Amino acid sequence: MSARQELLQALPNQPEKVASLVLMYLHSLPGYVAPEKPVPAAAVDYWESYWSKVYGSCEGMEWDEPEEQEFEVREEW
């Protein structure tokens, strides 16, 4: 179960004060940008909409990818 799913299950059982404090904490995390316009129901998840914006802004760009190696050599433990 993801952390998001656990949070969604646990919050309804908590007092309103706890839910508002959790929301304030999540909004204070680095990288949070308040939505400028209403988010469509399909993209309610903040991170899902964030990454779709990031990848959408890079549409059509070529990526310099390193050549694939056959085997990765690691140090002995």
Protein backbone atom coordinates (compact mmCIF):
# COMPACT_ATOMS: atom_id res chain seq x y z
CA MET A 1 0.00 0.00 0.00
CA SER A 2 1.41 3.41 -0.89
CA ALA A 3 1.84 6.20 1.63
CA ARG A 4 -0.84 8.17 -0.18
CA GLN A 5 -3.36 5.34 0.19
CA GLU A 6 -2.52 4.88 3.88
CA LEU A 7 -2.93 8.61 4.48
CA LEU A 8 -6.30 8.61 2.70
CA GLN A 9 -7.47 5.74 4.91
CA ALA A 10 -6.15 7.22 8.18
CA LEU A 11 -7.27 10.84 7.81
CA PRO A 12 -11.06 10.26 8.01
CA ASN A 13 -10.54 8.71 11.47
CA GLN A 14 -8.61 11.73 12.78
CA PRO A 15 -9.90 14.98 14.28
CA GLU A 16 -10.27 17.92 11.87
CA LYS A 17 -7.33 19.68 13.57
CA VAL A 18 -4.98 16.81 12.72
CA ALA A 19 -6.12 16.76 9.09
CA SER A 20 -5.56 20.51 8.74
CA LEU A 21 -2.08 20.26 10.32
CA VAL A 22 -1.13 17.44 7.95
CA LEU A 23 -2.33 19.52 4.99
CA MET A 24 -0.34 22.55 6.20
CA TYR A 25 2.76 20.37 6.56
CA LEU A 26 2.39 18.90 3.08
CA HIS A 27 2.00 22.38 1.60
CA SER A 28 5.17 23.52 3.39
CA LEU A 29 7.34 20.84 1.76
CA PRO A 30 9.87 22.02 -0.83
CA GLY A 31 8.63 21.69 -4.37
CA TYR A 32 4.97 22.29 -3.59
CA VAL A 33 3.38 24.80 -5.92
CA ALA A 34 -0.19 25.83 -5.26
CA PRO A 35 -2.39 25.13 -8.27
CA GLU A 36 -3.10 28.29 -10.27
CA LYS A 37 -6.33 26.95 -11.69
CA PRO A 38 -8.69 24.13 -10.76
CA VAL A 39 -7.08 20.75 -11.30
CA PRO A 40 -9.10 18.30 -13.42
CA ALA A 41 -10.53 15.36 -11.51
CA ALA A 42 -8.29 12.94 -13.43
CA ALA A 43 -5.14 14.68 -12.15
CA VAL A 44 -6.05 15.29 -8.51
CA ASP A 45 -2.74 13.83 -7.32
CA TYR A 46 -0.25 16.71 -6.96
CA TRP A 47 2.85 14.76 -8.02
CA GLU A 48 1.09 13.24 -11.01
CA SER A 49 0.13 16.69 -12.30
CA TYR A 50 3.61 18.05 -11.48
CA TRP A 51 5.42 15.39 -13.50
CA SER A 52 2.99 15.71 -16.39
CA LYS A 53 3.83 19.44 -16.52
CA VAL A 54 7.58 18.71 -16.41
CA TYR A 55 7.50 16.05 -19.10
CA GLY A 56 5.02 18.07 -21.13
CA SER A 57 7.42 21.02 -21.18
CA CYS A 58 10.15 18.74 -22.58
CA GLU A 59 8.00 17.34 -25.37
CA GLY A 60 9.87 17.04 -28.67
CA MET A 61 13.33 17.42 -27.11
CA GLU A 62 16.03 14.88 -27.88
CA TRP A 63 17.61 13.13 -24.90
CA ASP A 64 21.31 12.33 -24.79
CA GLU A 65 21.32 8.85 -23.37
CA PRO A 66 24.51 6.93 -22.59
CA GLU A 67 25.18 3.73 -24.46
CA GLU A 68 23.88 0.64 -22.74
CA GLN A 69 26.50 -1.55 -21.15
CA GLU A 70 26.16 -5.32 -21.23
CA PHE A 71 26.97 -5.92 -17.58
CA GLU A 72 27.57 -3.60 -14.68
CA VAL A 73 30.74 -4.38 -12.74
CA ARG A 74 30.48 -3.77 -9.01
CA GLU A 75 32.97 -3.92 -6.19
CA GLU A 76 33.16 -7.04 -4.08
CA TRP A 77 31.67 -6.61 -0.62
